[in-house]
Amino acid sequence: CVISISSTNILINLLIGKSKDDALNVINNYLKMINEEEYDKDVLKELLVFDDTSKQPSRIKCATLTANGIKKFLENN
């Protein structure tokens, strides 16, 4: 899925060099955006291109697959 690949690429590039807390902040804001909750736009930078993903429910899993995996890893380590 193009959305999965592109969101992974942008997310990974945005997380490189960030602390665990900062990375979780980015991921949590990204997931809030995808789920149409309040989020901090300044944190997401290039990830804002996925802002309309929630309007296509079939794409939500694609857009959040990597974010959910990294979040789970960071929270457990």
Protein backbone atom coordinates (compact mmCIF):
# COMPACT_ATOMS: atom_id res chain seq x y z
CA CYS A 1 0.00 0.00 0.00
CA VAL A 2 1.45 3.34 -1.03
CA ILE A 3 0.10 5.03 2.10
CA SER A 4 1.80 2.50 4.35
CA ILE A 5 5.13 2.85 2.58
CA SER A 6 5.07 6.63 2.36
CA SER A 7 3.87 7.17 5.94
CA THR A 8 6.57 4.80 7.18
CA ASN A 9 9.25 6.66 5.26
CA ILE A 10 8.17 10.08 6.51
CA LEU A 11 7.63 8.87 10.08
CA ILE A 12 11.03 7.16 10.33
CA ASN A 13 12.80 10.21 8.93
CA LEU A 14 11.01 12.41 11.45
CA LEU A 15 11.87 10.11 14.38
CA ILE A 16 15.60 9.76 13.65
CA GLY A 17 17.60 11.42 16.42
CA LYS A 18 14.62 12.00 18.70
CA SER A 19 14.46 10.89 22.32
CA LYS A 20 11.99 8.19 23.28
CA ASP A 21 9.60 10.77 24.75
CA ASP A 22 9.82 13.03 21.70
CA ALA A 23 9.27 10.07 19.38
CA LEU A 24 6.20 9.00 21.34
CA ASN A 25 4.92 12.57 21.19
CA VAL A 26 5.20 12.58 17.40
CA ILE A 27 3.54 9.18 17.10
CA ASN A 28 0.72 10.05 19.51
CA ASN A 29 0.00 13.29 17.66
CA TYR A 30 0.06 11.45 14.34
CA LEU A 31 -2.41 8.85 15.59
CA LYS A 32 -4.65 11.60 16.97
CA MET A 33 -4.63 13.30 13.59
CA ILE A 34 -5.55 10.09 11.79
CA ASN A 35 -8.35 9.46 14.31
CA GLU A 36 -9.68 13.02 13.95
CA GLU A 37 -8.75 14.05 17.49
CA GLU A 38 -7.05 17.28 18.57
CA TYR A 39 -3.33 17.24 17.81
CA ASP A 40 -0.32 19.54 17.59
CA LYS A 41 0.29 20.33 13.91
CA ASP A 42 3.75 21.76 14.61
CA VAL A 43 5.01 18.35 15.74
CA LEU A 44 3.98 16.47 12.60
CA LYS A 45 5.66 18.48 9.84
CA GLU A 46 5.60 16.34 6.66
CA LEU A 47 3.17 13.85 8.22
CA LEU A 48 0.44 16.45 7.77
CA VAL A 49 0.01 15.17 4.21
CA PHE A 50 -1.98 12.29 5.75
CA ASP A 51 -4.48 14.61 7.42
CA ASP A 52 -7.35 13.51 5.17
CA THR A 53 -6.67 9.80 5.61
CA SER A 54 -9.52 9.49 8.10
CA LYS A 55 -11.94 10.29 5.30
CA GLN A 56 -10.95 6.96 3.73
CA PRO A 57 -11.53 4.39 6.52
CA SER A 58 -9.99 1.59 4.47
CA ARG A 59 -6.66 3.48 4.52
CA ILE A 60 -6.46 4.11 8.27
CA LYS A 61 -4.81 0.76 8.99
CA CYS A 62 -2.27 1.38 6.23
CA ALA A 63 -1.43 4.83 7.58
CA THR A 64 -1.06 3.68 11.19
CA LEU A 65 0.60 0.28 10.84
CA THR A 66 4.17 1.46 11.41
CA ALA A 67 3.22 4.12 13.97
CA ASN A 68 1.39 1.55 16.09
CA GLY A 69 4.30 -0.89 15.87
CA ILE A 70 6.93 1.67 16.84
CA LYS A 71 4.71 3.01 19.65
CA LYS A 72 4.26 -0.50 21.07
CA PHE A 73 8.01 -1.13 20.89
CA LEU A 74 8.90 2.16 22.57
CA GLU A 75 6.34 1.71 25.33
CA ASN A 76 7.61 -1.79 26.11
CA ASN A 77 11.34 -0.97 26.10
